[in-house]
Amino acid sequence: PGKQRELVARITSGGTPTYADSAR
């Protein structure tokens, strides 16, 4: 609420994940 959209996690088609510090 009241903030910008931010990345949580993403994953490539090969299955490599990336996480935001808050989610790791």
PDB file of all heavy atoms in Angstrom:
ATOM      1  N   PRO A   1       0.826  -1.219   0.000  1.00  0.00           N
ATOM      2  CA  PRO A   1       0.000   0.000   0.000  1.00  0.00           C
ATOM      3  C   PRO A   1       0.856   1.265   0.000  1.00  0.00           C
ATOM      4  O   PRO A   1       1.750   1.410   0.839  1.00  0.00           O
ATOM      5  CB  PRO A   1      -0.802  -0.128   1.300  1.00  0.00           C
ATOM      6  CG  PRO A   1      -0.814  -1.579   1.609  1.00  0.00           C
ATOM      7  CD  PRO A   1       0.482  -2.119   1.101  1.00  0.00           C
ATOM      8  N   GLY A   2       0.602   2.156  -0.934  1.00  0.00           N
ATOM      9  CA  GLY A   2       1.315   3.422  -1.003  1.00  0.00           C
ATOM     10  C   GLY A   2       2.739   3.342  -1.489  1.00  0.00           C
ATOM     11  O   GLY A   2       3.474   4.338  -1.424  1.00  0.00           O
ATOM     12  N   LYS A   3       3.149   2.183  -1.987  1.00  0.00           N
ATOM     13  CA  LYS A   3       4.531   2.027  -2.440  1.00  0.00           C
ATOM     14  C   LYS A   3       4.577   1.556  -3.890  1.00  0.00           C
ATOM     15  O   LYS A   3       3.568   1.195  -4.478  1.00  0.00           O
ATOM     16  CB  LYS A   3       5.277   1.039  -1.539  1.00  0.00           C
ATOM     17  CG  LYS A   3       5.400   1.502  -0.099  1.00  0.00           C
ATOM     18  CD  LYS A   3       6.233   0.532   0.720  1.00  0.00           C
ATOM     19  CE  LYS A   3       6.383   1.004   2.157  1.00  0.00           C
ATOM     20  NZ  LYS A   3       7.201   0.070   2.968  1.00  0.00           N
ATOM     21  N   GLN A   4       5.790   1.560  -4.457  1.00  0.00           N
ATOM     22  CA  GLN A   4       5.954   1.125  -5.830  1.00  0.00           C
ATOM     23  C   GLN A   4       6.004  -0.393  -5.921  1.00  0.00           C
ATOM     24  O   GLN A   4       6.305  -1.094  -4.949  1.00  0.00           O
ATOM     25  CB  GLN A   4       7.241   1.732  -6.408  1.00  0.00           C
ATOM     26  CG  GLN A   4       7.191   3.242  -6.590  1.00  0.00           C
ATOM     27  CD  GLN A   4       8.422   3.774  -7.305  1.00  0.00           C
ATOM     28  OE1 GLN A   4       9.500   3.197  -7.215  1.00  0.00           O
ATOM     29  NE2 GLN A   4       8.256   4.876  -8.032  1.00  0.00           N
ATOM     30  N   ARG A   5       5.726  -0.870  -7.119  1.00  0.00           N
ATOM     31  CA  ARG A   5       5.824  -2.308  -7.365  1.00  0.00           C
ATOM     32  C   ARG A   5       7.285  -2.730  -7.294  1.00  0.00           C
ATOM     33  O   ARG A   5       8.171  -2.036  -7.791  1.00  0.00           O
ATOM     34  CB  ARG A   5       5.235  -2.638  -8.733  1.00  0.00           C
ATOM     35  CG  ARG A   5       4.983  -4.095  -8.980  1.00  0.00           C
ATOM     36  CD  ARG A   5       4.231  -4.318 -10.283  1.00  0.00           C
ATOM     37  NE  ARG A   5       2.927  -3.699 -10.274  1.00  0.00           N
ATOM     38  CZ  ARG A   5       2.028  -3.881 -11.246  1.00  0.00           C
ATOM     39  NH1 ARG A   5       2.299  -4.674 -12.276  1.00  0.00           N
ATOM     40  NH2 ARG A   5       0.858  -3.273 -11.180  1.00  0.00           N
ATOM     41  N   GLU A   6       7.514  -3.904  -6.697  1.00  0.00           N
ATOM     42  CA  GLU A   6       8.882  -4.384  -6.507  1.00  0.00           C
ATOM     43  C   GLU A   6       8.973  -5.873  -6.818  1.00  0.00           C
ATOM     44  O   GLU A   6       7.996  -6.621  -6.660  1.00  0.00           O
ATOM     45  CB  GLU A   6       9.339  -4.146  -5.065  1.00  0.00           C
ATOM     46  CG  GLU A   6       8.509  -4.850  -4.015  1.00  0.00           C
ATOM     47  CD  GLU A   6       8.889  -4.503  -2.586  1.00  0.00           C
ATOM     48  OE1 GLU A   6       9.578  -3.487  -2.376  1.00  0.00           O
ATOM     49  OE2 GLU A   6       8.501  -5.256  -1.677  1.00  0.00           O
ATOM     50  N   LEU A   7      10.156  -6.276  -7.232  1.00  0.00           N
ATOM     51  CA  LEU A   7      10.394  -7.683  -7.516  1.00  0.00           C
ATOM     52  C   LEU A   7      10.390  -8.490  -6.221  1.00  0.00           C
ATOM     53  O   LEU A   7      10.969  -8.073  -5.217  1.00  0.00           O
ATOM     54  CB  LEU A   7      11.739  -7.862  -8.213  1.00  0.00           C
ATOM     55  CG  LEU A   7      12.218  -9.289  -8.407  1.00  0.00           C
ATOM     56  CD1 LEU A   7      11.361 -10.016  -9.440  1.00  0.00           C
ATOM     57  CD2 LEU A   7      13.678  -9.318  -8.816  1.00  0.00           C
ATOM     58  N   VAL A   8       9.749  -9.652  -6.260  1.00  0.00           N
ATOM     59  CA  VAL A   8       9.814 -10.607  -5.152  1.00  0.00           C
ATOM     60  C   VAL A   8      10.745 -11.757  -5.540  1.00  0.00           C
ATOM     61  O   VAL A   8      11.708 -12.059  -4.835  1.00  0.00           O
ATOM     62  CB  VAL A   8       8.424 -11.160  -4.804  1.00  0.00           C
ATOM     63  CG1 VAL A   8       8.531 -12.194  -3.688  1.00  0.00           C
ATOM     64  CG2 VAL A   8       7.473 -10.033  -4.422  1.00  0.00           C
ATOM     65  N   ALA A   9      10.452 -12.383  -6.680  1.00  0.00           N
ATOM     66  CA  ALA A   9      11.272 -13.491  -7.152  1.00  0.00           C
ATOM     67  C   ALA A   9      10.969 -13.711  -8.629  1.00  0.00           C
ATOM     68  O   ALA A   9       9.861 -13.421  -9.086  1.00  0.00           O
ATOM     69  CB  ALA A   9      10.997 -14.760  -6.358  1.00  0.00           C
ATOM     70  N   ARG A  10      11.946 -14.226  -9.349  1.00  0.00           N
ATOM     71  CA  ARG A  10      11.719 -14.582 -10.731  1.00  0.00           C
ATOM     72  C   ARG A  10      12.518 -15.842 -11.030  1.00  0.00           C
ATOM     73  O   ARG A  10      13.424 -16.212 -10.275  1.00  0.00           O
ATOM     74  CB  ARG A  10      12.085 -13.460 -11.698  1.00  0.00           C
ATOM     75  CG  ARG A  10      13.523 -13.013 -11.635  1.00  0.00           C
ATOM     76  CD  ARG A  10      13.827 -12.023 -12.744  1.00  0.00           C
ATOM     77  NE  ARG A  10      15.139 -11.408 -12.547  1.00  0.00           N
ATOM     78  CZ  ARG A  10      15.289 -10.118 -12.306  1.00  0.00           C
ATOM     79  NH1 ARG A  10      14.243  -9.315 -12.230  1.00  0.00           N
ATOM     80  NH2 ARG A  10      16.497  -9.615 -12.131  1.00  0.00           N
ATOM     81  N   ILE A  11      12.165 -16.491 -12.126  1.00  0.00           N
ATOM     82  CA  ILE A  11      12.810 -17.752 -12.464  1.00  0.00           C
ATOM     83  C   ILE A  11      12.907 -17.860 -13.974  1.00  0.00           C
ATOM     84  O   ILE A  11      11.961 -17.528 -14.697  1.00  0.00           O
ATOM     85  CB  ILE A  11      12.024 -18.940 -11.841  1.00  0.00           C
ATOM     86  CG1 ILE A  11      12.774 -20.257 -12.046  1.00  0.00           C
ATOM     87  CG2 ILE A  11      10.600 -19.002 -12.350  1.00  0.00           C
ATOM     88  CD1 ILE A  11      12.202 -21.396 -11.204  1.00  0.00           C
ATOM     89  N   THR A  12      14.052 -18.293 -14.456  1.00  0.00           N
ATOM     90  CA  THR A  12      14.250 -18.420 -15.890  1.00  0.00           C
ATOM     91  C   THR A  12      13.579 -19.685 -16.416  1.00  0.00           C
ATOM     92  O   THR A  12      13.143 -20.544 -15.640  1.00  0.00           O
ATOM     93  CB  THR A  12      15.747 -18.478 -16.213  1.00  0.00           C
ATOM     94  OG1 THR A  12      16.284 -19.704 -15.683  1.00  0.00           O
ATOM     95  CG2 THR A  12      16.491 -17.288 -15.620  1.00  0.00           C
ATOM     96  N   SER A  13      13.526 -19.813 -17.730  1.00  0.00           N
ATOM     97  CA  SER A  13      12.946 -21.011 -18.322  1.00  0.00           C
ATOM     98  C   SER A  13      13.768 -22.248 -17.955  1.00  0.00           C
ATOM     99  O   SER A  13      13.230 -23.357 -17.921  1.00  0.00           O
ATOM    100  CB  SER A  13      12.858 -20.865 -19.840  1.00  0.00           C
ATOM    101  OG  SER A  13      14.141 -20.594 -20.386  1.00  0.00           O
ATOM    102  N   GLY A  14      15.036 -22.041 -17.638  1.00  0.00           N
ATOM    103  CA  GLY A  14      15.892 -23.151 -17.223  1.00  0.00           C
ATOM    104  C   GLY A  14      15.804 -23.480 -15.748  1.00  0.00           C
ATOM    105  O   GLY A  14      16.435 -24.435 -15.287  1.00  0.00           O
ATOM    106  N   GLY A  15      15.029 -22.676 -15.015  1.00  0.00           N
ATOM    107  CA  GLY A  15      14.811 -22.980 -13.603  1.00  0.00           C
ATOM    108  C   GLY A  15      15.728 -22.257 -12.630  1.00  0.00           C
ATOM    109  O   GLY A  15      15.751 -22.593 -11.440  1.00  0.00           O
ATOM    110  N   THR A  16      16.462 -21.259 -13.089  1.00  0.00           N
ATOM    111  CA  THR A  16      17.336 -20.506 -12.189  1.00  0.00           C
ATOM    112  C   THR A  16      16.558 -19.396 -11.508  1.00  0.00           C
ATOM    113  O   THR A  16      16.023 -18.516 -12.179  1.00  0.00           O
ATOM    114  CB  THR A  16      18.520 -19.898 -12.957  1.00  0.00           C
ATOM    115  OG1 THR A  16      19.271 -20.940 -13.576  1.00  0.00           O
ATOM    116  CG2 THR A  16      19.420 -19.113 -12.005  1.00  0.00           C
ATOM    117  N   PRO A  17      16.486 -19.423 -10.176  1.00  0.00           N
ATOM    118  CA  PRO A  17      15.715 -18.400  -9.460  1.00  0.00           C
ATOM    119  C   PRO A  17      16.556 -17.204  -9.024  1.00  0.00           C
ATOM    120  O   PRO A  17      17.773 -17.315  -8.854  1.00  0.00           O
ATOM    121  CB  PRO A  17      15.211 -19.157  -8.233  1.00  0.00           C
ATOM    122  CG  PRO A  17      16.325 -20.115  -7.931  1.00  0.00           C
ATOM    123  CD  PRO A  17      16.929 -20.489  -9.264  1.00  0.00           C
ATOM    124  N   THR A  18      15.861 -16.093  -8.861  1.00  0.00           N
ATOM    125  CA  THR A  18      16.444 -14.898  -8.256  1.00  0.00           C
ATOM    126  C   THR A  18      15.450 -14.384  -7.236  1.00  0.00           C
ATOM    127  O   THR A  18      14.246 -14.354  -7.510  1.00  0.00           O
ATOM    128  CB  THR A  18      16.691 -13.809  -9.315  1.00  0.00           C
ATOM    129  OG1 THR A  18      17.573 -14.307 -10.316  1.00  0.00           O
ATOM    130  CG2 THR A  18      17.295 -12.564  -8.670  1.00  0.00           C
ATOM    131  N   TYR A  19      15.953 -13.977  -6.068  1.00  0.00           N
ATOM    132  CA  TYR A  19      15.075 -13.501  -5.000  1.00  0.00           C
ATOM    133  C   TYR A  19      15.464 -12.112  -4.545  1.00  0.00           C
ATOM    134  O   TYR A  19      16.652 -11.763  -4.499  1.00  0.00           O
ATOM    135  CB  TYR A  19      15.149 -14.434  -3.789  1.00  0.00           C
ATOM    136  CG  TYR A  19      14.642 -15.822  -4.039  1.00  0.00           C
ATOM    137  CD1 TYR A  19      15.509 -16.859  -4.368  1.00  0.00           C
ATOM    138  CD2 TYR A  19      13.280 -16.114  -3.954  1.00  0.00           C
ATOM    139  CE1 TYR A  19      15.045 -18.137  -4.606  1.00  0.00           C
ATOM    140  CE2 TYR A  19      12.810 -17.393  -4.197  1.00  0.00           C
ATOM    141  CZ  TYR A  19      13.697 -18.391  -4.526  1.00  0.00           C
ATOM    142  OH  TYR A  19      13.220 -19.662  -4.758  1.00  0.00           O
ATOM    143  N   ALA A  20      14.462 -11.325  -4.177  1.00  0.00           N
ATOM    144  CA  ALA A  20      14.717 -10.085  -3.472  1.00  0.00           C
ATOM    145  C   ALA A  20      15.256 -10.429  -2.083  1.00  0.00           C
ATOM    146  O   ALA A  20      14.964 -11.503  -1.543  1.00  0.00           O
ATOM    147  CB  ALA A  20      13.439  -9.268  -3.349  1.00  0.00           C
ATOM    148  N   ASP A  21      16.018  -9.515  -1.513  1.00  0.00           N
ATOM    149  CA  ASP A  21      16.574  -9.766  -0.175  1.00  0.00           C
ATOM    150  C   ASP A  21      15.472 -10.070   0.838  1.00  0.00           C
ATOM    151  O   ASP A  21      15.633 -10.905   1.725  1.00  0.00           O
ATOM    152  CB  ASP A  21      17.393  -8.551   0.291  1.00  0.00           C
ATOM    153  CG  ASP A  21      18.699  -8.403  -0.480  1.00  0.00           C
ATOM    154  OD1 ASP A  21      19.111  -9.378  -1.134  1.00  0.00           O
ATOM    155  OD2 ASP A  21      19.287  -7.304  -0.419  1.00  0.00           O
ATOM    156  N   SER A  22      14.341  -9.398   0.693  1.00  0.00           N
ATOM    157  CA  SER A  22      13.248  -9.571   1.648  1.00  0.00           C
ATOM    158  C   SER A  22      12.603 -10.952   1.557  1.00  0.00           C
ATOM    159  O   SER A  22      11.940 -11.396   2.496  1.00  0.00           O
ATOM    160  CB  SER A  22      12.184  -8.494   1.420  1.00  0.00           C
ATOM    161  OG  SER A  22      11.679  -8.578   0.095  1.00  0.00           O
ATOM    162  N   ALA A  23      12.786 -11.619   0.423  1.00  0.00           N
ATOM    163  CA  ALA A  23      12.146 -12.912   0.191  1.00  0.00           C
ATOM    164  C   ALA A  23      13.095 -14.096   0.385  1.00  0.00           C
ATOM    165  O   ALA A  23      12.649 -15.213   0.667  1.00  0.00           O
ATOM    166  CB  ALA A  23      11.584 -12.962  -1.222  1.00  0.00           C
ATOM    167  N   ARG A  24      14.371 -13.835   0.250  1.00  0.00           N
ATOM    168  CA  ARG A  24      15.346 -14.932   0.305  1.00  0.00           C
ATOM    169  C   ARG A  24      15.300 -15.639   1.654  1.00  0.00           C
ATOM    170  O   ARG A  24      15.306 -15.025   2.711  1.00  0.00           O
ATOM    171  CB  ARG A  24      16.750 -14.382   0.043  1.00  0.00           C
ATOM    172  CG  ARG A  24      17.791 -15.451  -0.203  1.00  0.00           C
ATOM    173  CD  ARG A  24      19.124 -14.847  -0.614  1.00  0.00           C
ATOM    174  NE  ARG A  24      19.026 -14.150  -1.898  1.00  0.00           N
ATOM    175  CZ  ARG A  24      19.116 -12.828  -2.048  1.00  0.00           C
ATOM    176  NH1 ARG A  24      19.326 -12.068  -0.985  1.00  0.00           N
ATOM    177  NH2 ARG A  24      19.028 -12.279  -3.238  1.00  0.00           N
TER     178      ARG A  24
END
